[in-house]
């Protein structure tokens, strides 16, 4: 089984379909494999070394993870309240 199979699946599952080239390198997935995954349509580049799964559903968690990875920011205020299902938070 190729290294990008279970290792990549676990990485994407843990981060809502969002990863970075740096995190992939840490689990043994190199630049050539990343380029192949992009060519095969399994990943797409967002920016700043951020990679998105093309098969991941467009959920709030996926959008939040993408935004945080791209900007190196955090989710806070009303959006965090929705994510944590806090009472009196805005609803989608």
PDB file of N, CA and C in Angstrom:
ATOM      1  N   UNK A   1       0.849  -1.185   0.000  1.00  0.00           N
ATOM      2  CA  UNK A   1       0.000   0.000   0.000  1.00  0.00           C
ATOM      3  C   UNK A   1       0.891   1.244   0.000  1.00  0.00           C
ATOM      4  N   UNK A   2       0.590   2.232  -0.834  1.00  0.00           N
ATOM      5  CA  UNK A   2       1.443   3.420  -0.880  1.00  0.00           C
ATOM      6  C   UNK A   2       1.382   4.216   0.411  1.00  0.00           C
ATOM      7  N   UNK A   3       2.480   4.876   0.721  1.00  0.00           N
ATOM      8  CA  UNK A   3       2.559   5.634   1.971  1.00  0.00           C
ATOM      9  C   UNK A   3       1.496   6.729   2.040  1.00  0.00           C
ATOM     10  N   UNK A   4       1.099   7.255   0.885  1.00  0.00           N
ATOM     11  CA  UNK A   4       0.132   8.345   0.933  1.00  0.00           C
ATOM     12  C   UNK A   4      -1.286   7.860   1.213  1.00  0.00           C
ATOM     13  N   UNK A   5      -1.545   6.555   1.189  1.00  0.00           N
ATOM     14  CA  UNK A   5      -2.882   6.030   1.441  1.00  0.00           C
ATOM     15  C   UNK A   5      -3.362   6.286   2.859  1.00  0.00           C
ATOM     16  N   UNK A   6      -3.013   5.419   3.811  1.00  0.00           N
ATOM     17  CA  UNK A   6      -3.514   5.586   5.174  1.00  0.00           C
ATOM     18  C   UNK A   6      -2.969   6.817   5.885  1.00  0.00           C
ATOM     19  N   UNK A   7      -1.724   7.166   5.618  1.00  0.00           N
ATOM     20  CA  UNK A   7      -1.133   8.338   6.280  1.00  0.00           C
ATOM     21  C   UNK A   7      -1.847   9.612   5.842  1.00  0.00           C
ATOM     22  N   UNK A   8      -2.088   9.750   4.546  1.00  0.00           N
ATOM     23  CA  UNK A   8      -2.785  10.925   4.034  1.00  0.00           C
ATOM     24  C   UNK A   8      -4.228  10.948   4.522  1.00  0.00           C
ATOM     25  N   UNK A   9      -4.891   9.806   4.506  1.00  0.00           N
ATOM     26  CA  UNK A   9      -6.281   9.737   4.968  1.00  0.00           C
ATOM     27  C   UNK A   9      -6.397  10.168   6.423  1.00  0.00           C
ATOM     28  N   UNK A  10      -5.494   9.704   7.267  1.00  0.00           N
ATOM     29  CA  UNK A  10      -5.516  10.078   8.684  1.00  0.00           C
ATOM     30  C   UNK A  10      -5.276  11.572   8.862  1.00  0.00           C
ATOM     31  N   UNK A  11      -4.332  12.120   8.114  1.00  0.00           N
ATOM     32  CA  UNK A  11      -4.029  13.556   8.183  1.00  0.00           C
ATOM     33  C   UNK A  11      -5.241  14.390   7.785  1.00  0.00           C
ATOM     34  N   UNK A  12      -5.874  14.028   6.679  1.00  0.00           N
ATOM     35  CA  UNK A  12      -7.030  14.794   6.212  1.00  0.00           C
ATOM     36  C   UNK A  12      -8.220  14.637   7.149  1.00  0.00           C
ATOM     37  N   UNK A  13      -8.413  13.465   7.692  1.00  0.00           N
ATOM     38  CA  UNK A  13      -9.507  13.246   8.629  1.00  0.00           C
ATOM     39  C   UNK A  13      -9.330  14.087   9.883  1.00  0.00           C
ATOM     40  N   UNK A  14      -8.116  14.155  10.368  1.00  0.00           N
ATOM     41  CA  UNK A  14      -7.833  14.918  11.590  1.00  0.00           C
ATOM     42  C   UNK A  14      -7.994  16.422  11.394  1.00  0.00           C
ATOM     43  N   UNK A  15      -7.806  16.906  10.164  1.00  0.00           N
ATOM     44  CA  UNK A  15      -7.821  18.353   9.908  1.00  0.00           C
ATOM     45  C   UNK A  15      -8.915  18.772   8.927  1.00  0.00           C
ATOM     46  N   UNK A  16     -10.016  18.046   8.905  1.00  0.00           N
ATOM     47  CA  UNK A  16     -11.195  18.422   8.106  1.00  0.00           C
ATOM     48  C   UNK A  16     -10.885  18.620   6.627  1.00  0.00           C
ATOM     49  N   UNK A  17     -10.027  17.765   6.068  1.00  0.00           N
ATOM     50  CA  UNK A  17      -9.732  17.821   4.644  1.00  0.00           C
ATOM     51  C   UNK A  17      -8.718  18.874   4.247  1.00  0.00           C
ATOM     52  N   UNK A  18      -8.010  19.430   5.226  1.00  0.00           N
ATOM     53  CA  UNK A  18      -7.027  20.489   4.976  1.00  0.00           C
ATOM     54  C   UNK A  18      -5.680  20.042   5.536  1.00  0.00           C
ATOM     55  N   UNK A  19      -4.614  20.278   4.785  1.00  0.00           N
ATOM     56  CA  UNK A  19      -3.275  19.962   5.270  1.00  0.00           C
ATOM     57  C   UNK A  19      -2.288  20.964   4.694  1.00  0.00           C
ATOM     58  N   UNK A  20      -1.044  20.786   5.042  1.00  0.00           N
ATOM     59  CA  UNK A  20       0.014  21.641   4.499  1.00  0.00           C
ATOM     60  C   UNK A  20       1.143  20.751   3.980  1.00  0.00           C
ATOM     61  N   UNK A  21       1.940  21.300   3.108  1.00  0.00           N
ATOM     62  CA  UNK A  21       3.094  20.563   2.591  1.00  0.00           C
ATOM     63  C   UNK A  21       4.036  20.205   3.741  1.00  0.00           C
ATOM     64  N   UNK A  22       4.153  21.078   4.717  1.00  0.00           N
ATOM     65  CA  UNK A  22       5.024  20.831   5.859  1.00  0.00           C
ATOM     66  C   UNK A  22       4.524  19.646   6.693  1.00  0.00           C
ATOM     67  N   UNK A  23       3.212  19.581   6.941  1.00  0.00           N
ATOM     68  CA  UNK A  23       2.666  18.457   7.714  1.00  0.00           C
ATOM     69  C   UNK A  23       2.796  17.153   6.936  1.00  0.00           C
ATOM     70  N   UNK A  24       2.608  17.214   5.616  1.00  0.00           N
ATOM     71  CA  UNK A  24       2.758  16.001   4.815  1.00  0.00           C
ATOM     72  C   UNK A  24       4.206  15.518   4.830  1.00  0.00           C
ATOM     73  N   UNK A  25       5.148  16.434   4.752  1.00  0.00           N
ATOM     74  CA  UNK A  25       6.568  16.054   4.811  1.00  0.00           C
ATOM     75  C   UNK A  25       6.877  15.371   6.142  1.00  0.00           C
ATOM     76  N   UNK A  26       6.253  15.833   7.215  1.00  0.00           N
ATOM     77  CA  UNK A  26       6.495  15.253   8.536  1.00  0.00           C
ATOM     78  C   UNK A  26       6.007  13.810   8.635  1.00  0.00           C
ATOM     79  N   UNK A  27       5.038  13.416   7.808  1.00  0.00           N
ATOM     80  CA  UNK A  27       4.557  12.034   7.834  1.00  0.00           C
ATOM     81  C   UNK A  27       5.111  11.215   6.662  1.00  0.00           C
ATOM     82  N   UNK A  28       6.111  11.783   5.979  1.00  0.00           N
ATOM     83  CA  UNK A  28       6.813  11.027   4.950  1.00  0.00           C
ATOM     84  C   UNK A  28       6.277  11.168   3.538  1.00  0.00           C
ATOM     85  N   UNK A  29       5.445  12.155   3.296  1.00  0.00           N
ATOM     86  CA  UNK A  29       4.909  12.386   1.949  1.00  0.00           C
ATOM     87  C   UNK A  29       5.670  13.572   1.359  1.00  0.00           C
ATOM     88  N   UNK A  30       6.480  13.291   0.348  1.00  0.00           N
ATOM     89  CA  UNK A  30       7.358  14.296  -0.227  1.00  0.00           C
ATOM     90  C   UNK A  30       6.730  15.107  -1.348  1.00  0.00           C
ATOM     91  N   UNK A  31       7.508  16.029  -1.863  1.00  0.00           N
ATOM     92  CA  UNK A  31       7.065  16.962  -2.907  1.00  0.00           C
ATOM     93  C   UNK A  31       6.584  16.237  -4.161  1.00  0.00           C
ATOM     94  N   UNK A  32       7.311  15.205  -4.600  1.00  0.00           N
ATOM     95  CA  UNK A  32       6.908  14.487  -5.819  1.00  0.00           C
ATOM     96  C   UNK A  32       5.561  13.799  -5.636  1.00  0.00           C
ATOM     97  N   UNK A  33       5.337  13.222  -4.471  1.00  0.00           N
ATOM     98  CA  UNK A  33       4.050  12.575  -4.195  1.00  0.00           C
ATOM     99  C   UNK A  33       2.937  13.609  -4.127  1.00  0.00           C
ATOM    100  N   UNK A  34       3.212  14.750  -3.510  1.00  0.00           N
ATOM    101  CA  UNK A  34       2.213  15.830  -3.454  1.00  0.00           C
ATOM    102  C   UNK A  34       1.859  16.280  -4.865  1.00  0.00           C
ATOM    103  N   UNK A  35       2.867  16.472  -5.707  1.00  0.00           N
ATOM    104  CA  UNK A  35       2.607  16.879  -7.096  1.00  0.00           C
ATOM    105  C   UNK A  35       1.758  15.836  -7.825  1.00  0.00           C
ATOM    106  N   UNK A  36       2.038  14.544  -7.577  1.00  0.00           N
ATOM    107  CA  UNK A  36       1.238  13.484  -8.192  1.00  0.00           C
ATOM    108  C   UNK A  36      -0.204  13.521  -7.697  1.00  0.00           C
ATOM    109  N   UNK A  37      -0.402  13.735  -6.392  1.00  0.00           N
ATOM    110  CA  UNK A  37      -1.753  13.816  -5.838  1.00  0.00           C
ATOM    111  C   UNK A  37      -2.529  14.993  -6.422  1.00  0.00           C
ATOM    112  N   UNK A  38      -1.834  16.083  -6.695  1.00  0.00           N
ATOM    113  CA  UNK A  38      -2.471  17.238  -7.326  1.00  0.00           C
ATOM    114  C   UNK A  38      -2.817  16.915  -8.776  1.00  0.00           C
ATOM    115  N   UNK A  39      -1.881  16.324  -9.502  1.00  0.00           N
ATOM    116  CA  UNK A  39      -2.141  15.921 -10.899  1.00  0.00           C
ATOM    117  C   UNK A  39      -3.305  14.937 -10.996  1.00  0.00           C
ATOM    118  N   UNK A  40      -3.386  14.018 -10.034  1.00  0.00           N
ATOM    119  CA  UNK A  40      -4.447  13.010 -10.030  1.00  0.00           C
ATOM    120  C   UNK A  40      -5.792  13.578  -9.570  1.00  0.00           C
ATOM    121  N   UNK A  41      -5.790  14.825  -9.113  1.00  0.00           N
ATOM    122  CA  UNK A  41      -7.034  15.454  -8.686  1.00  0.00           C
ATOM    123  C   UNK A  41      -7.471  15.116  -7.275  1.00  0.00           C
ATOM    124  N   UNK A  42      -6.577  14.547  -6.469  1.00  0.00           N
ATOM    125  CA  UNK A  42      -6.926  14.214  -5.084  1.00  0.00           C
ATOM    126  C   UNK A  42      -6.728  15.386  -4.141  1.00  0.00           C
ATOM    127  N   UNK A  43      -5.793  16.265  -4.457  1.00  0.00           N
ATOM    128  CA  UNK A  43      -5.537  17.473  -3.673  1.00  0.00           C
ATOM    129  C   UNK A  43      -5.534  18.668  -4.612  1.00  0.00           C
ATOM    130  N   UNK A  44      -5.778  19.849  -4.046  1.00  0.00           N
ATOM    131  CA  UNK A  44      -5.604  21.089  -4.803  1.00  0.00           C
ATOM    132  C   UNK A  44      -4.908  22.095  -3.900  1.00  0.00           C
ATOM    133  N   UNK A  45      -4.135  22.952  -4.543  1.00  0.00           N
ATOM    134  CA  UNK A  45      -3.414  23.984  -3.793  1.00  0.00           C
ATOM    135  C   UNK A  45      -4.372  25.125  -3.448  1.00  0.00           C
ATOM    136  N   UNK A  46      -4.287  25.588  -2.220  1.00  0.00           N
ATOM    137  CA  UNK A  46      -5.050  26.776  -1.825  1.00  0.00           C
ATOM    138  C   UNK A  46      -4.109  27.967  -1.959  1.00  0.00           C
ATOM    139  N   UNK A  47      -3.135  28.059  -1.077  1.00  0.00           N
ATOM    140  CA  UNK A  47      -2.022  29.002  -1.141  1.00  0.00           C
ATOM    141  C   UNK A  47      -1.157  28.812   0.091  1.00  0.00           C
ATOM    142  N   UNK A  48      -0.043  29.459   0.122  1.00  0.00           N
ATOM    143  CA  UNK A  48       0.884  29.405   1.261  1.00  0.00           C
ATOM    144  C   UNK A  48       1.209  27.986   1.711  1.00  0.00           C
ATOM    145  N   UNK A  49       1.329  27.045   0.765  1.00  0.00           N
ATOM    146  CA  UNK A  49       1.652  25.671   1.123  1.00  0.00           C
ATOM    147  C   UNK A  49       0.476  24.881   1.656  1.00  0.00           C
ATOM    148  N   UNK A  50      -0.726  25.451   1.587  1.00  0.00           N
ATOM    149  CA  UNK A  50      -1.927  24.782   2.079  1.00  0.00           C
ATOM    150  C   UNK A  50      -2.534  23.947   0.958  1.00  0.00           C
ATOM    151  N   UNK A  51      -2.910  22.719   1.290  1.00  0.00           N
ATOM    152  CA  UNK A  51      -3.496  21.794   0.330  1.00  0.00           C
ATOM    153  C   UNK A  51      -4.866  21.351   0.830  1.00  0.00           C
ATOM    154  N   UNK A  52      -5.822  21.263  -0.088  1.00  0.00           N
ATOM    155  CA  UNK A  52      -7.186  20.876   0.254  1.00  0.00           C
ATOM    156  C   UNK A  52      -7.559  19.594  -0.463  1.00  0.00           C
ATOM    157  N   UNK A  53      -8.271  18.730   0.227  1.00  0.00           N
ATOM    158  CA  UNK A  53      -8.791  17.520  -0.393  1.00  0.00           C
ATOM    159  C   UNK A  53      -9.903  17.913  -1.353  1.00  0.00           C
ATOM    160  N   UNK A  54      -9.871  17.344  -2.549  1.00  0.00           N
ATOM    161  CA  UNK A  54     -10.925  17.638  -3.523  1.00  0.00           C
ATOM    162  C   UNK A  54     -12.170  16.800  -3.251  1.00  0.00           C
ATOM    163  N   UNK A  55     -12.063  15.804  -2.394  1.00  0.00           N
ATOM    164  CA  UNK A  55     -13.187  14.928  -2.096  1.00  0.00           C
ATOM    165  C   UNK A  55     -13.899  15.296  -0.794  1.00  0.00           C
ATOM    166  N   UNK A  56     -13.373  16.261  -0.075  1.00  0.00           N
ATOM    167  CA  UNK A  56     -13.946  16.610   1.229  1.00  0.00           C
ATOM    168  C   UNK A  56     -15.199  17.450   1.027  1.00  0.00           C
ATOM    169  N   UNK A  57     -16.261  17.194   1.793  1.00  0.00           N
ATOM    170  CA  UNK A  57     -17.476  17.996   1.648  1.00  0.00           C
ATOM    171  C   UNK A  57     -17.258  19.435   2.124  1.00  0.00           C
ATOM    172  N   UNK A  58     -18.000  20.348   1.538  1.00  0.00           N
ATOM    173  CA  UNK A  58     -17.901  21.770   1.897  1.00  0.00           C
ATOM    174  C   UNK A  58     -18.697  22.019   3.172  1.00  0.00           C
ATOM    175  N   UNK A  59     -18.042  21.775   4.306  1.00  0.00           N
ATOM    176  CA  UNK A  59     -18.686  21.958   5.602  1.00  0.00           C
ATOM    177  C   UNK A  59     -18.133  23.208   6.273  1.00  0.00           C
ATOM    178  N   UNK A  60     -18.801  23.647   7.321  1.00  0.00           N
ATOM    179  CA  UNK A  60     -18.305  24.787   8.089  1.00  0.00           C
ATOM    180  C   UNK A  60     -16.925  24.482   8.643  1.00  0.00           C
ATOM    181  N   UNK A  61     -16.730  23.273   9.139  1.00  0.00           N
ATOM    182  CA  UNK A  61     -15.431  22.898   9.704  1.00  0.00           C
ATOM    183  C   UNK A  61     -14.330  22.942   8.652  1.00  0.00           C
ATOM    184  N   UNK A  62     -14.648  22.475   7.438  1.00  0.00           N
ATOM    185  CA  UNK A  62     -13.670  22.512   6.347  1.00  0.00           C
ATOM    186  C   UNK A  62     -13.313  23.957   5.999  1.00  0.00           C
ATOM    187  N   UNK A  63     -14.305  24.817   5.912  1.00  0.00           N
ATOM    188  CA  UNK A  63     -14.031  26.225   5.595  1.00  0.00           C
ATOM    189  C   UNK A  63     -13.237  26.899   6.706  1.00  0.00           C
ATOM    190  N   UNK A  64     -13.553  26.583   7.962  1.00  0.00           N
ATOM    191  CA  UNK A  64     -12.798  27.165   9.072  1.00  0.00           C
ATOM    192  C   UNK A  64     -11.351  26.674   9.058  1.00  0.00           C
ATOM    193  N   UNK A  65     -11.155  25.373   8.851  1.00  0.00           N
ATOM    194  CA  UNK A  65      -9.799  24.820   8.809  1.00  0.00           C
ATOM    195  C   UNK A  65      -9.009  25.420   7.654  1.00  0.00           C
ATOM    196  N   UNK A  66      -9.657  25.606   6.504  1.00  0.00           N
ATOM    197  CA  UNK A  66      -8.992  26.221   5.346  1.00  0.00           C
ATOM    198  C   UNK A  66      -8.570  27.645   5.670  1.00  0.00           C
ATOM    199  N   UNK A  67      -9.486  28.418   6.217  1.00  0.00           N
ATOM    200  CA  UNK A  67      -9.183  29.815   6.541  1.00  0.00           C
ATOM    201  C   UNK A  67      -8.050  29.921   7.558  1.00  0.00           C
ATOM    202  N   UNK A  68      -8.076  29.077   8.566  1.00  0.00           N
ATOM    203  CA  UNK A  68      -7.019  29.109   9.585  1.00  0.00           C
ATOM    204  C   UNK A  68      -5.674  28.702   9.005  1.00  0.00           C
ATOM    205  N   UNK A  69      -5.649  27.678   8.158  1.00  0.00           N
ATOM    206  CA  UNK A  69      -4.390  27.230   7.564  1.00  0.00           C
ATOM    207  C   UNK A  69      -3.818  28.286   6.628  1.00  0.00           C
ATOM    208  N   UNK A  70      -4.678  28.921   5.842  1.00  0.00           N
ATOM    209  CA  UNK A  70      -4.214  29.919   4.876  1.00  0.00           C
ATOM    210  C   UNK A  70      -3.712  31.178   5.573  1.00  0.00           C
ATOM    211  N   UNK A  71      -4.438  31.638   6.575  1.00  0.00           N
ATOM    212  CA  UNK A  71      -4.087  32.909   7.230  1.00  0.00           C
ATOM    213  C   UNK A  71      -3.230  32.728   8.475  1.00  0.00           C
ATOM    214  N   UNK A  72      -3.088  31.459   8.909  1.00  0.00           N
ATOM    215  CA  UNK A  72      -2.422  31.155  10.188  1.00  0.00           C
ATOM    216  C   UNK A  72      -3.156  31.850  11.342  1.00  0.00           C
ATOM    217  N   UNK A  73      -4.465  31.950  11.171  1.00  0.00           N
ATOM    218  CA  UNK A  73      -5.306  32.589  12.172  1.00  0.00           C
ATOM    219  C   UNK A  73      -6.071  31.576  13.003  1.00  0.00           C
ATOM    220  N   UNK A  74      -7.071  32.071  13.690  1.00  0.00           N
ATOM    221  CA  UNK A  74      -7.926  31.239  14.527  1.00  0.00           C
ATOM    222  C   UNK A  74      -9.383  31.602  14.282  1.00  0.00           C
ATOM    223  N   UNK A  75     -10.261  30.721  14.659  1.00  0.00           N
ATOM    224  CA  UNK A  75     -11.691  30.982  14.588  1.00  0.00           C
ATOM    225  C   UNK A  75     -12.112  31.494  15.958  1.00  0.00           C
ATOM    226  N   UNK A  76     -12.842  32.608  15.975  1.00  0.00           N
ATOM    227  CA  UNK A  76     -13.277  33.139  17.266  1.00  0.00           C
ATOM    228  C   UNK A  76     -14.611  33.842  17.129  1.00  0.00           C
ATOM    229  N   UNK A  77     -15.091  34.327  18.227  1.00  0.00           N
ATOM    230  CA  UNK A  77     -16.352  35.057  18.339  1.00  0.00           C
ATOM    231  C   UNK A  77     -17.528  34.249  17.812  1.00  0.00           C
ATOM    232  N   UNK A  78     -18.456  34.813  17.037  1.00  0.00           N
ATOM    233  CA  UNK A  78     -19.684  34.061  16.705  1.00  0.00           C
ATOM    234  C   UNK A  78     -19.431  32.736  16.006  1.00  0.00           C
ATOM    235  N   UNK A  79     -18.452  32.692  15.115  1.00  0.00           N
ATOM    236  CA  UNK A  79     -18.189  31.453  14.393  1.00  0.00           C
ATOM    237  C   UNK A  79     -17.710  30.356  15.345  1.00  0.00           C
ATOM    238  N   UNK A  80     -16.853  30.701  16.279  1.00  0.00           N
ATOM    239  CA  UNK A  80     -16.399  29.715  17.269  1.00  0.00           C
ATOM    240  C   UNK A  80     -17.567  29.253  18.132  1.00  0.00           C
ATOM    241  N   UNK A  81     -18.452  30.162  18.478  1.00  0.00           N
ATOM    242  CA  UNK A  81     -19.627  29.791  19.261  1.00  0.00           C
ATOM    243  C   UNK A  81     -20.498  28.791  18.532  1.00  0.00           C
ATOM    244  N   UNK A  82     -20.665  28.983  17.226  1.00  0.00           N
ATOM    245  CA  UNK A  82     -21.430  28.028  16.423  1.00  0.00           C
ATOM    246  C   UNK A  82     -20.708  26.688  16.381  1.00  0.00           C
ATOM    247  N   UNK A  83     -19.404  26.721  16.162  1.00  0.00           N
ATOM    248  CA  UNK A  83     -18.636  25.478  16.070  1.00  0.00           C
ATOM    249  C   UNK A  83     -18.701  24.685  17.377  1.00  0.00           C
ATOM    250  N   UNK A  84     -18.676  25.370  18.498  1.00  0.00           N
ATOM    251  CA  UNK A  84     -18.728  24.705  19.799  1.00  0.00           C
ATOM    252  C   UNK A  84     -20.159  24.507  20.292  1.00  0.00           C
ATOM    253  N   UNK A  85     -21.124  24.938  19.490  1.00  0.00           N
ATOM    254  CA  UNK A  85     -22.549  24.815  19.822  1.00  0.00           C
ATOM    255  C   UNK A  85     -22.884  25.448  21.165  1.00  0.00           C
ATOM    256  N   UNK A  86     -22.332  26.648  21.370  1.00  0.00           N
ATOM    257  CA  UNK A  86     -22.616  27.370  22.594  1.00  0.00           C
ATOM    258  C   UNK A  86     -24.009  27.989  22.528  1.00  0.00           C
ATOM    259  N   UNK A  87     -24.654  28.042  23.652  1.00  0.00           N
ATOM    260  CA  UNK A  87     -25.980  28.663  23.701  1.00  0.00           C
ATOM    261  C   UNK A  87     -25.887  30.130  23.281  1.00  0.00           C
ATOM    262  N   UNK A  88     -26.937  30.608  22.690  1.00  0.00           N
ATOM    263  CA  UNK A  88     -27.076  32.008  22.264  1.00  0.00           C
ATOM    264  C   UNK A  88     -26.077  32.401  21.191  1.00  0.00           C
ATOM    265  N   UNK A  89     -25.528  31.429  20.479  1.00  0.00           N
ATOM    266  CA  UNK A  89     -24.650  31.738  19.341  1.00  0.00           C
ATOM    267  C   UNK A  89     -25.496  31.855  18.095  1.00  0.00           C
ATOM    268  N   UNK A  90     -25.003  32.618  17.151  1.00  0.00           N
ATOM    269  CA  UNK A  90     -25.704  32.742  15.870  1.00  0.00           C
ATOM    270  C   UNK A  90     -25.824  31.365  15.245  1.00  0.00           C
ATOM    271  N   UNK A  91     -26.869  31.146  14.502  1.00  0.00           N
ATOM    272  CA  UNK A  91     -27.078  29.867  13.839  1.00  0.00           C
ATOM    273  C   UNK A  91     -26.860  30.014  12.351  1.00  0.00           C
ATOM    274  N   UNK A  92     -26.466  28.931  11.695  1.00  0.00           N
ATOM    275  CA  UNK A  92     -26.264  28.954  10.246  1.00  0.00           C
ATOM    276  C   UNK A  92     -27.586  28.981   9.547  1.00  0.00           C
TER     277      UNK A  92
END
